[in-house]
Amino acid sequence: MPWIQIKLNATSENAESLGDLLMEQTGALSITFLDAHDTPVFEPLPGETRLWGDTDILALYDAEADIEFVVNTLKQSNWLEEGFAYKVEQLEDKDWEREWMDNFHPMKFGERLWVCPSWRDVPEPDAVNVMLDPGLAFGTGTHPTTALCLEWLEGLDLSGKTVIDFGCGSGILAIAAIKLGAQKVIGIDIDPQALLASKDNAQRNGVADQLEVYLPKDQPENLVADVVVANILAGPLRELSPIIKDLVNSHEGRLAMSGVLDTQAEDVANYYRDQFDLDPIAEQSEWCRISGMKQSA
């Protein structure tokens, strides 16, 4: 069946109340909160609602819903200013999961690394192949930030190295590092679903014994690695810079960070220049990778 979606902008103060109103009084089938300005945030923990300063609300209804009633209910709620902006869209009925699977193809990074959906054939059996089923966690290689990190890892000599994947998501970077020669990889993420996805994908790739995963509160004390990769977002990279810098071994340790827009890259880089000799910033489709080597103590 087709669907109708109404989109409106809210704030961190009223978004959750408006979402409850739409669910309880207008029959919305689902409510989604989206950051209206790409403000960097962490993925929420299960059961937690993490809101932003400017938040778009997407409310989904079946095609027979009375959208005029929905709008009037919002007007009478006192949560929105008079003349608030909203947009109504019709969505065609699709098997979204099947469409996504059909369009996720094997991808090559650098000279020898392939990321292959678990349901497709491997193009080069003798290459370094990461078999991936993203599940509930972010990270397929299709996004420029993941691609930039994969290309960086592919260009390193990881033989015998310890690697930390900070914000491991689906485990794609962690598993790629192991298959590229790393002796041990530690995945850290605030989302328990990400840790499950990483472990499942590691098992699928036959490298589960080389991957350890932790919530931040459970990670070992004084943890350091030869290589650290953090594909998160600009805000956390700034806020957590002291923690991330301490994870990198002081003897020629390497760090790469992505999830950063070109307008944010220099600002984020400045948080790391005191301890790292940084490479030229790499860019792909307005997203950037910041990388470098830790300075000797």
C-alpha atoms as a PDB file:
ATOM      1  CA  MET A   1       0.000   0.000   0.000  1.00  0.00           C
ATOM      2  CA  PRO A   2       1.158   3.605  -0.510  1.00  0.00           C
ATOM      3  CA  TRP A   3       1.974   5.865   2.402  1.00  0.00           C
ATOM      4  CA  ILE A   4       1.815   9.537   3.327  1.00  0.00           C
ATOM      5  CA  GLN A   5       4.612  11.239   5.204  1.00  0.00           C
ATOM      6  CA  ILE A   6       4.457  14.601   6.933  1.00  0.00           C
ATOM      7  CA  LYS A   7       7.695  16.379   7.784  1.00  0.00           C
ATOM      8  CA  LEU A   8       8.022  19.325  10.152  1.00  0.00           C
ATOM      9  CA  ASN A   9      10.826  21.036  11.990  1.00  0.00           C
ATOM     10  CA  ALA A  10      10.930  21.144  15.772  1.00  0.00           C
ATOM     11  CA  THR A  11      13.452  21.732  18.553  1.00  0.00           C
ATOM     12  CA  SER A  12      15.020  19.609  21.254  1.00  0.00           C
ATOM     13  CA  GLU A  13      12.499  21.100  23.690  1.00  0.00           C
ATOM     14  CA  ASN A  14       9.321  20.126  21.835  1.00  0.00           C
ATOM     15  CA  ALA A  15      10.231  17.279  19.461  1.00  0.00           C
ATOM     16  CA  GLU A  16       9.516  14.379  21.783  1.00  0.00           C
ATOM     17  CA  SER A  17       6.197  15.858  22.920  1.00  0.00           C
ATOM     18  CA  LEU A  18       5.166  16.457  19.313  1.00  0.00           C
ATOM     19  CA  GLY A  19       6.132  12.883  18.456  1.00  0.00           C
ATOM     20  CA  ASP A  20       3.970  11.552  21.286  1.00  0.00           C
ATOM     21  CA  LEU A  21       1.097  13.779  20.136  1.00  0.00           C
ATOM     22  CA  LEU A  22       1.286  12.497  16.567  1.00  0.00           C
ATOM     23  CA  MET A  23       1.387   8.879  17.686  1.00  0.00           C
ATOM     24  CA  GLU A  24      -1.364   9.079  20.294  1.00  0.00           C
ATOM     25  CA  GLN A  25      -3.832  11.572  18.800  1.00  0.00           C
ATOM     26  CA  THR A  26      -3.419  11.382  15.014  1.00  0.00           C
ATOM     27  CA  GLY A  27      -2.665   7.710  14.418  1.00  0.00           C
ATOM     28  CA  ALA A  28       0.893   8.024  13.095  1.00  0.00           C
ATOM     29  CA  LEU A  29       2.324   4.601  12.297  1.00  0.00           C
ATOM     30  CA  SER A  30       5.882   5.658  13.047  1.00  0.00           C
ATOM     31  CA  ILE A  31       7.844   8.715  14.149  1.00  0.00           C
ATOM     32  CA  THR A  32      11.440   9.419  13.164  1.00  0.00           C
ATOM     33  CA  PHE A  33      13.648  12.205  14.524  1.00  0.00           C
ATOM     34  CA  LEU A  34      16.305  13.585  12.144  1.00  0.00           C
ATOM     35  CA  ASP A  35      18.979  16.202  12.751  1.00  0.00           C
ATOM     36  CA  ALA A  36      18.066  19.165  10.548  1.00  0.00           C
ATOM     37  CA  HIS A  37      21.626  20.477  10.224  1.00  0.00           C
ATOM     38  CA  ASP A  38      23.825  17.364  10.383  1.00  0.00           C
ATOM     39  CA  THR A  39      24.817  18.189  13.944  1.00  0.00           C
ATOM     40  CA  PRO A  40      27.291  15.476  15.049  1.00  0.00           C
ATOM     41  CA  VAL A  41      25.808  13.169  17.684  1.00  0.00           C
ATOM     42  CA  PHE A  42      26.277   9.669  18.929  1.00  0.00           C
ATOM     43  CA  GLU A  43      23.816   6.959  17.986  1.00  0.00           C
ATOM     44  CA  PRO A  44      21.415   6.524  20.927  1.00  0.00           C
ATOM     45  CA  LEU A  45      21.494   3.510  23.165  1.00  0.00           C
ATOM     46  CA  PRO A  46      18.524   1.118  22.931  1.00  0.00           C
ATOM     47  CA  GLY A  47      15.477   2.749  24.490  1.00  0.00           C
ATOM     48  CA  GLU A  48      17.093   6.188  24.528  1.00  0.00           C
ATOM     49  CA  THR A  49      15.910   9.167  22.454  1.00  0.00           C
ATOM     50  CA  ARG A  50      18.749  11.532  21.553  1.00  0.00           C
ATOM     51  CA  LEU A  51      17.479  14.858  20.176  1.00  0.00           C
ATOM     52  CA  TRP A  52      19.175  17.854  18.585  1.00  0.00           C
ATOM     53  CA  GLY A  53      18.864  21.625  18.617  1.00  0.00           C
ATOM     54  CA  ASP A  54      16.978  21.640  15.307  1.00  0.00           C
ATOM     55  CA  THR A  55      15.087  18.428  14.744  1.00  0.00           C
ATOM     56  CA  ASP A  56      13.027  17.282  11.783  1.00  0.00           C
ATOM     57  CA  ILE A  57      10.095  15.036  12.645  1.00  0.00           C
ATOM     58  CA  LEU A  58       8.952  12.502  10.047  1.00  0.00           C
ATOM     59  CA  ALA A  59       5.508  11.023  10.745  1.00  0.00           C
ATOM     60  CA  LEU A  60       4.288   8.138   8.573  1.00  0.00           C
ATOM     61  CA  TYR A  61       0.594   7.451   7.871  1.00  0.00           C
ATOM     62  CA  ASP A  62      -1.317   5.137   5.599  1.00  0.00           C
ATOM     63  CA  ALA A  63      -2.697   6.670   2.419  1.00  0.00           C
ATOM     64  CA  GLU A  64      -6.221   7.037   3.856  1.00  0.00           C
ATOM     65  CA  ALA A  65      -5.150   9.245   6.757  1.00  0.00           C
ATOM     66  CA  ASP A  66      -6.769  12.664   7.152  1.00  0.00           C
ATOM     67  CA  ILE A  67      -3.709  14.916   6.913  1.00  0.00           C
ATOM     68  CA  GLU A  68      -5.835  18.041   7.412  1.00  0.00           C
ATOM     69  CA  PHE A  69      -6.816  16.644  10.810  1.00  0.00           C
ATOM     70  CA  VAL A  70      -3.133  16.005  11.583  1.00  0.00           C
ATOM     71  CA  VAL A  71      -2.170  19.578  10.721  1.00  0.00           C
ATOM     72  CA  ASN A  72      -5.047  21.039  12.735  1.00  0.00           C
ATOM     73  CA  THR A  73      -4.046  18.930  15.724  1.00  0.00           C
ATOM     74  CA  LEU A  74      -0.535  20.318  15.503  1.00  0.00           C
ATOM     75  CA  LYS A  75      -1.854  23.883  15.278  1.00  0.00           C
ATOM     76  CA  GLN A  76      -3.894  23.410  18.441  1.00  0.00           C
ATOM     77  CA  SER A  77      -1.047  21.828  20.403  1.00  0.00           C
ATOM     78  CA  ASN A  78       0.661  25.094  21.459  1.00  0.00           C
ATOM     79  CA  TRP A  79       3.985  23.365  20.809  1.00  0.00           C
ATOM     80  CA  LEU A  80       4.608  25.131  17.483  1.00  0.00           C
ATOM     81  CA  GLU A  81       4.632  28.762  16.445  1.00  0.00           C
ATOM     82  CA  GLU A  82       1.838  30.075  14.258  1.00  0.00           C
ATOM     83  CA  GLY A  83       2.549  29.501  10.583  1.00  0.00           C
ATOM     84  CA  PHE A  84       4.983  26.611  11.237  1.00  0.00           C
ATOM     85  CA  ALA A  85       6.405  24.949   8.134  1.00  0.00           C
ATOM     86  CA  TYR A  86       5.526  21.393   7.150  1.00  0.00           C
ATOM     87  CA  LYS A  87       5.695  19.222   4.039  1.00  0.00           C
ATOM     88  CA  VAL A  88       3.416  16.361   2.968  1.00  0.00           C
ATOM     89  CA  GLU A  89       4.752  13.656   0.635  1.00  0.00           C
ATOM     90  CA  GLN A  90       3.333  10.503  -0.905  1.00  0.00           C
ATOM     91  CA  LEU A  91       5.609   7.467  -0.692  1.00  0.00           C
ATOM     92  CA  GLU A  92       5.229   4.549  -3.077  1.00  0.00           C
ATOM     93  CA  ASP A  93       5.007   1.073  -1.653  1.00  0.00           C
ATOM     94  CA  LYS A  94       8.293  -0.827  -1.990  1.00  0.00           C
ATOM     95  CA  ASP A  95      10.137  -3.734  -0.477  1.00  0.00           C
ATOM     96  CA  TRP A  96      12.796  -1.381   0.847  1.00  0.00           C
ATOM     97  CA  GLU A  97      15.015  -4.133   2.248  1.00  0.00           C
ATOM     98  CA  ARG A  98      14.990  -6.035  -1.045  1.00  0.00           C
ATOM     99  CA  GLU A  99      15.685  -2.879  -3.049  1.00  0.00           C
ATOM    100  CA  TRP A 100      18.635  -2.070  -0.785  1.00  0.00           C
ATOM    101  CA  MET A 101      20.017  -5.607  -1.113  1.00  0.00           C
ATOM    102  CA  ASP A 102      19.673  -5.544  -4.895  1.00  0.00           C
ATOM    103  CA  ASN A 103      21.692  -2.323  -5.102  1.00  0.00           C
ATOM    104  CA  PHE A 104      24.497  -3.227  -2.695  1.00  0.00           C
ATOM    105  CA  HIS A 105      27.259  -4.520  -4.985  1.00  0.00           C
ATOM    106  CA  PRO A 106      30.850  -5.669  -4.292  1.00  0.00           C
ATOM    107  CA  MET A 107      33.189  -2.664  -4.028  1.00  0.00           C
ATOM    108  CA  LYS A 108      36.962  -2.451  -4.402  1.00  0.00           C
ATOM    109  CA  PHE A 109      39.190  -0.229  -2.268  1.00  0.00           C
ATOM    110  CA  GLY A 110      42.795   0.318  -3.247  1.00  0.00           C
ATOM    111  CA  GLU A 111      44.647  -2.477  -5.015  1.00  0.00           C
ATOM    112  CA  ARG A 112      43.509  -5.566  -3.153  1.00  0.00           C
ATOM    113  CA  LEU A 113      40.582  -4.988  -0.796  1.00  0.00           C
ATOM    114  CA  TRP A 114      36.994  -5.898  -1.679  1.00  0.00           C
ATOM    115  CA  VAL A 115      33.861  -5.469   0.435  1.00  0.00           C
ATOM    116  CA  CYS A 116      31.255  -7.966  -0.725  1.00  0.00           C
ATOM    117  CA  PRO A 117      27.631  -8.396   0.389  1.00  0.00           C
ATOM    118  CA  SER A 118      27.252 -11.813   1.952  1.00  0.00           C
ATOM    119  CA  TRP A 119      24.518 -12.708  -0.551  1.00  0.00           C
ATOM    120  CA  ARG A 120      26.654 -12.012  -3.682  1.00  0.00           C
ATOM    121  CA  ASP A 121      29.540 -13.838  -5.375  1.00  0.00           C
ATOM    122  CA  VAL A 122      33.104 -12.675  -4.743  1.00  0.00           C
ATOM    123  CA  PRO A 123      34.608 -10.980  -7.865  1.00  0.00           C
ATOM    124  CA  GLU A 124      38.250 -11.845  -7.031  1.00  0.00           C
ATOM    125  CA  PRO A 125      38.561 -14.943  -4.827  1.00  0.00           C
ATOM    126  CA  ASP A 126      42.311 -14.392  -4.343  1.00  0.00           C
ATOM    127  CA  ALA A 127      41.919 -10.768  -3.198  1.00  0.00           C
ATOM    128  CA  VAL A 128      41.369  -9.559   0.378  1.00  0.00           C
ATOM    129  CA  ASN A 129      37.603 -10.039   0.670  1.00  0.00           C
ATOM    130  CA  VAL A 130      35.413  -8.776   3.501  1.00  0.00           C
ATOM    131  CA  MET A 131      31.997 -10.458   3.467  1.00  0.00           C
ATOM    132  CA  LEU A 132      29.473  -8.101   5.001  1.00  0.00           C
ATOM    133  CA  ASP A 133      25.926  -8.264   6.275  1.00  0.00           C
ATOM    134  CA  PRO A 134      25.429  -4.852   7.935  1.00  0.00           C
ATOM    135  CA  GLY A 135      22.346  -5.869   9.912  1.00  0.00           C
ATOM    136  CA  LEU A 136      21.274  -3.068  12.255  1.00  0.00           C
ATOM    137  CA  ALA A 137      24.583  -1.222  12.364  1.00  0.00           C
ATOM    138  CA  PHE A 138      26.036   1.448  10.104  1.00  0.00           C
ATOM    139  CA  GLY A 139      28.849   0.653   7.680  1.00  0.00           C
ATOM    140  CA  THR A 140      28.731  -0.904   4.219  1.00  0.00           C
ATOM    141  CA  GLY A 141      31.522   0.878   2.382  1.00  0.00           C
ATOM    142  CA  THR A 142      29.079   2.768   0.177  1.00  0.00           C
ATOM    143  CA  HIS A 143      29.396   5.990   2.182  1.00  0.00           C
ATOM    144  CA  PRO A 144      32.434   8.186   1.409  1.00  0.00           C
ATOM    145  CA  THR A 145      33.531   8.239   5.061  1.00  0.00           C
ATOM    146  CA  THR A 146      33.800   4.437   5.191  1.00  0.00           C
ATOM    147  CA  ALA A 147      35.441   4.329   1.767  1.00  0.00           C
ATOM    148  CA  LEU A 148      38.072   6.863   2.842  1.00  0.00           C
ATOM    149  CA  CYS A 149      38.945   4.794   5.916  1.00  0.00           C
ATOM    150  CA  LEU A 150      39.075   1.521   3.966  1.00  0.00           C
ATOM    151  CA  GLU A 151      41.421   3.031   1.391  1.00  0.00           C
ATOM    152  CA  TRP A 152      43.664   4.328   4.184  1.00  0.00           C
ATOM    153  CA  LEU A 153      43.815   0.932   5.897  1.00  0.00           C
ATOM    154  CA  GLU A 154      44.540  -0.789   2.574  1.00  0.00           C
ATOM    155  CA  GLY A 155      47.577   1.443   2.111  1.00  0.00           C
ATOM    156  CA  LEU A 156      49.152   0.547   5.476  1.00  0.00           C
ATOM    157  CA  ASP A 157      51.369  -2.357   6.454  1.00  0.00           C
ATOM    158  CA  LEU A 158      49.258  -3.829   9.233  1.00  0.00           C
ATOM    159  CA  SER A 159      51.258  -7.031   9.674  1.00  0.00           C
ATOM    160  CA  GLY A 160      51.403  -7.912  13.354  1.00  0.00           C
ATOM    161  CA  LYS A 161      49.758  -4.626  14.386  1.00  0.00           C
ATOM    162  CA  THR A 162      47.078  -3.970  16.981  1.00  0.00           C
ATOM    163  CA  VAL A 163      44.227  -1.829  15.643  1.00  0.00           C
ATOM    164  CA  ILE A 164      41.377  -0.032  17.413  1.00  0.00           C
ATOM    165  CA  ASP A 165      38.163   0.655  15.491  1.00  0.00           C
ATOM    166  CA  PHE A 166      36.610   3.466  17.540  1.00  0.00           C
ATOM    167  CA  GLY A 167      32.881   3.476  16.713  1.00  0.00           C
ATOM    168  CA  CYS A 168      32.983   0.096  15.000  1.00  0.00           C
ATOM    169  CA  GLY A 169      29.383  -0.042  13.703  1.00  0.00           C
ATOM    170  CA  SER A 170      29.029  -3.106  11.477  1.00  0.00           C
ATOM    171  CA  GLY A 171      32.681  -4.018  12.020  1.00  0.00           C
ATOM    172  CA  ILE A 172      33.659  -3.356   8.419  1.00  0.00           C
ATOM    173  CA  LEU A 173      36.863  -1.464   9.270  1.00  0.00           C
ATOM    174  CA  ALA A 174      37.842  -3.879  12.027  1.00  0.00           C
ATOM    175  CA  ILE A 175      37.392  -6.928   9.812  1.00  0.00           C
ATOM    176  CA  ALA A 176      39.187  -5.274   6.903  1.00  0.00           C
ATOM    177  CA  ALA A 177      42.143  -4.513   9.201  1.00  0.00           C
ATOM    178  CA  ILE A 178      42.364  -8.152  10.286  1.00  0.00           C
ATOM    179  CA  LYS A 179      42.193  -9.405   6.702  1.00  0.00           C
ATOM    180  CA  LEU A 180      44.878  -6.887   5.743  1.00  0.00           C
ATOM    181  CA  GLY A 181      47.241  -8.460   8.271  1.00  0.00           C
ATOM    182  CA  ALA A 182      46.496  -6.966  11.699  1.00  0.00           C
ATOM    183  CA  GLN A 183      47.223  -9.371  14.523  1.00  0.00           C
ATOM    184  CA  LYS A 184      44.441  -8.094  16.764  1.00  0.00           C
ATOM    185  CA  VAL A 185      41.620  -5.569  16.460  1.00  0.00           C
ATOM    186  CA  ILE A 186      39.530  -4.009  19.209  1.00  0.00           C
ATOM    187  CA  GLY A 187      36.129  -2.594  18.309  1.00  0.00           C
ATOM    188  CA  ILE A 188      34.541   0.041  20.562  1.00  0.00           C
ATOM    189  CA  ASP A 189      30.994   1.364  20.186  1.00  0.00           C
ATOM    190  CA  ILE A 190      28.341   2.865  22.449  1.00  0.00           C
ATOM    191  CA  ASP A 191      25.609   0.845  20.700  1.00  0.00           C
ATOM    192  CA  PRO A 192      25.270  -2.801  21.833  1.00  0.00           C
ATOM    193  CA  GLN A 193      23.638  -3.593  18.477  1.00  0.00           C
ATOM    194  CA  ALA A 194      26.839  -2.483  16.750  1.00  0.00           C
ATOM    195  CA  LEU A 195      28.876  -4.882  18.864  1.00  0.00           C
ATOM    196  CA  LEU A 196      26.536  -7.726  17.920  1.00  0.00           C
ATOM    197  CA  ALA A 197      26.760  -6.855  14.224  1.00  0.00           C
ATOM    198  CA  SER A 198      30.560  -6.642  14.406  1.00  0.00           C
ATOM    199  CA  LYS A 199      30.809 -10.039  16.089  1.00  0.00           C
ATOM    200  CA  ASP A 200      28.407 -11.636  13.598  1.00  0.00           C
ATOM    201  CA  ASN A 201      30.323 -10.230  10.623  1.00  0.00           C
ATOM    202  CA  ALA A 202      33.649 -11.308  12.136  1.00  0.00           C
ATOM    203  CA  GLN A 203      32.269 -14.829  12.538  1.00  0.00           C
ATOM    204  CA  ARG A 204      31.083 -14.773   8.914  1.00  0.00           C
ATOM    205  CA  ASN A 205      34.600 -13.819   7.828  1.00  0.00           C
ATOM    206  CA  GLY A 206      36.352 -16.393   9.988  1.00  0.00           C
ATOM    207  CA  VAL A 207      38.207 -13.795  12.085  1.00  0.00           C
ATOM    208  CA  ALA A 208      36.151 -13.780  15.283  1.00  0.00           C
ATOM    209  CA  ASP A 209      39.127 -14.960  17.365  1.00  0.00           C
ATOM    210  CA  GLN A 210      41.083 -11.819  16.404  1.00  0.00           C
ATOM    211  CA  LEU A 211      38.342  -9.292  17.233  1.00  0.00           C
ATOM    212  CA  GLU A 212      37.423  -8.023  20.685  1.00  0.00           C
ATOM    213  CA  VAL A 213      34.472  -5.653  21.103  1.00  0.00           C
ATOM    214  CA  TYR A 214      33.588  -3.416  24.043  1.00  0.00           C
ATOM    215  CA  LEU A 215      31.230  -0.752  25.190  1.00  0.00           C
ATOM    216  CA  PRO A 216      33.324   2.259  26.306  1.00  0.00           C
ATOM    217  CA  LYS A 217      32.597   1.565  29.964  1.00  0.00           C
ATOM    218  CA  ASP A 218      33.902  -1.987  29.614  1.00  0.00           C
ATOM    219  CA  GLN A 219      37.064  -1.424  27.580  1.00  0.00           C
ATOM    220  CA  PRO A 220      40.405  -2.375  29.185  1.00  0.00           C
ATOM    221  CA  GLU A 221      42.280   0.303  31.115  1.00  0.00           C
ATOM    222  CA  ASN A 222      45.323   1.940  29.517  1.00  0.00           C
ATOM    223  CA  LEU A 223      44.278   0.654  26.107  1.00  0.00           C
ATOM    224  CA  VAL A 224      46.642   1.617  23.240  1.00  0.00           C
ATOM    225  CA  ALA A 225      47.116   0.440  19.661  1.00  0.00           C
ATOM    226  CA  ASP A 226      49.508   0.848  16.754  1.00  0.00           C
ATOM    227  CA  VAL A 227      46.679   2.035  14.512  1.00  0.00           C
ATOM    228  CA  VAL A 228      43.415   3.754  15.463  1.00  0.00           C
ATOM    229  CA  VAL A 229      40.592   4.503  13.050  1.00  0.00           C
ATOM    230  CA  ALA A 230      37.539   6.516  14.114  1.00  0.00           C
ATOM    231  CA  ASN A 231      34.755   6.881  11.569  1.00  0.00           C
ATOM    232  CA  ILE A 232      32.254   8.791  13.684  1.00  0.00           C
ATOM    233  CA  LEU A 233      31.341  12.489  13.361  1.00  0.00           C
ATOM    234  CA  ALA A 234      32.963  15.885  13.846  1.00  0.00           C
ATOM    235  CA  GLY A 235      31.400  16.688  17.240  1.00  0.00           C
ATOM    236  CA  PRO A 236      32.524  13.487  18.978  1.00  0.00           C
ATOM    237  CA  LEU A 237      35.955  13.721  17.324  1.00  0.00           C
ATOM    238  CA  ARG A 238      36.366  17.140  18.938  1.00  0.00           C
ATOM    239  CA  GLU A 239      34.811  16.284  22.284  1.00  0.00           C
ATOM    240  CA  LEU A 240      36.627  12.972  22.662  1.00  0.00           C
ATOM    241  CA  SER A 241      39.962  14.099  21.248  1.00  0.00           C
ATOM    242  CA  PRO A 242      41.845  13.576  24.564  1.00  0.00           C
ATOM    243  CA  ILE A 243      40.570   9.989  24.750  1.00  0.00           C
ATOM    244  CA  ILE A 244      41.223   9.211  21.085  1.00  0.00           C
ATOM    245  CA  LYS A 245      44.753  10.658  21.178  1.00  0.00           C
ATOM    246  CA  ASP A 246      45.627   8.527  24.211  1.00  0.00           C
ATOM    247  CA  LEU A 247      44.576   5.360  22.355  1.00  0.00           C
ATOM    248  CA  VAL A 248      47.369   5.800  19.792  1.00  0.00           C
ATOM    249  CA  ASN A 249      50.766   4.290  20.561  1.00  0.00           C
ATOM    250  CA  SER A 250      53.380   7.026  20.955  1.00  0.00           C
ATOM    251  CA  HIS A 251      55.916   5.052  18.888  1.00  0.00           C
ATOM    252  CA  GLU A 252      54.924   5.763  15.266  1.00  0.00           C
ATOM    253  CA  GLY A 253      51.236   5.184  16.030  1.00  0.00           C
ATOM    254  CA  ARG A 254      48.867   6.032  13.194  1.00  0.00           C
ATOM    255  CA  LEU A 255      45.419   7.635  13.387  1.00  0.00           C
ATOM    256  CA  ALA A 256      42.679   8.177  10.799  1.00  0.00           C
ATOM    257  CA  MET A 257      39.358   9.923  11.409  1.00  0.00           C
ATOM    258  CA  SER A 258      36.362  10.459   9.178  1.00  0.00           C
ATOM    259  CA  GLY A 259      32.689  11.399   9.373  1.00  0.00           C
ATOM    260  CA  VAL A 260      33.838  14.990   8.895  1.00  0.00           C
ATOM    261  CA  LEU A 261      32.496  17.436   6.306  1.00  0.00           C
ATOM    262  CA  ASP A 262      34.907  19.596   4.321  1.00  0.00           C
ATOM    263  CA  THR A 263      33.669  22.660   6.222  1.00  0.00           C
ATOM    264  CA  GLN A 264      34.578  20.983   9.539  1.00  0.00           C
ATOM    265  CA  ALA A 265      37.881  19.314   8.677  1.00  0.00           C
ATOM    266  CA  GLU A 266      40.356  22.053   9.598  1.00  0.00           C
ATOM    267  CA  ASP A 267      38.642  22.715  12.910  1.00  0.00           C
ATOM    268  CA  VAL A 268      38.694  19.014  13.837  1.00  0.00           C
ATOM    269  CA  ALA A 269      42.317  18.675  12.691  1.00  0.00           C
ATOM    270  CA  ASN A 270      43.353  21.492  15.030  1.00  0.00           C
ATOM    271  CA  TYR A 271      42.321  19.351  18.015  1.00  0.00           C
ATOM    272  CA  TYR A 272      45.007  16.801  17.043  1.00  0.00           C
ATOM    273  CA  ARG A 273      47.915  18.873  15.735  1.00  0.00           C
ATOM    274  CA  ASP A 274      49.504  19.104  19.182  1.00  0.00           C
ATOM    275  CA  GLN A 275      50.285  15.369  19.164  1.00  0.00           C
ATOM    276  CA  PHE A 276      50.181  14.325  15.494  1.00  0.00           C
ATOM    277  CA  ASP A 277      52.015  15.131  12.283  1.00  0.00           C
ATOM    278  CA  LEU A 278      48.994  15.260  10.004  1.00  0.00           C
ATOM    279  CA  ASP A 279      48.810  14.218   6.359  1.00  0.00           C
ATOM    280  CA  PRO A 280      47.050  16.386   3.755  1.00  0.00           C
ATOM    281  CA  ILE A 281      43.307  16.103   4.335  1.00  0.00           C
ATOM    282  CA  ALA A 282      41.685  13.636   1.916  1.00  0.00           C
ATOM    283  CA  GLU A 283      38.254  14.495   0.511  1.00  0.00           C
ATOM    284  CA  GLN A 284      35.502  12.565  -1.251  1.00  0.00           C
ATOM    285  CA  SER A 285      32.057  13.975  -2.042  1.00  0.00           C
ATOM    286  CA  GLU A 286      32.345  16.743   0.592  1.00  0.00           C
ATOM    287  CA  TRP A 287      33.439  14.257   3.288  1.00  0.00           C
ATOM    288  CA  CYS A 288      36.981  14.207   4.617  1.00  0.00           C
ATOM    289  CA  ARG A 289      39.557  11.952   6.225  1.00  0.00           C
ATOM    290  CA  ILE A 290      42.092  13.347   8.690  1.00  0.00           C
ATOM    291  CA  SER A 291      45.123  11.134   9.274  1.00  0.00           C
ATOM    292  CA  GLY A 292      48.605  11.310  10.678  1.00  0.00           C
ATOM    293  CA  MET A 293      51.385   9.837  12.779  1.00  0.00           C
ATOM    294  CA  LYS A 294      51.780  10.455  16.495  1.00  0.00           C
ATOM    295  CA  GLN A 295      54.764  12.540  17.468  1.00  0.00           C
ATOM    296  CA  SER A 296      57.443  10.943  19.605  1.00  0.00           C
ATOM    297  CA  ALA A 297      57.104  11.687  23.291  1.00  0.00           C
END
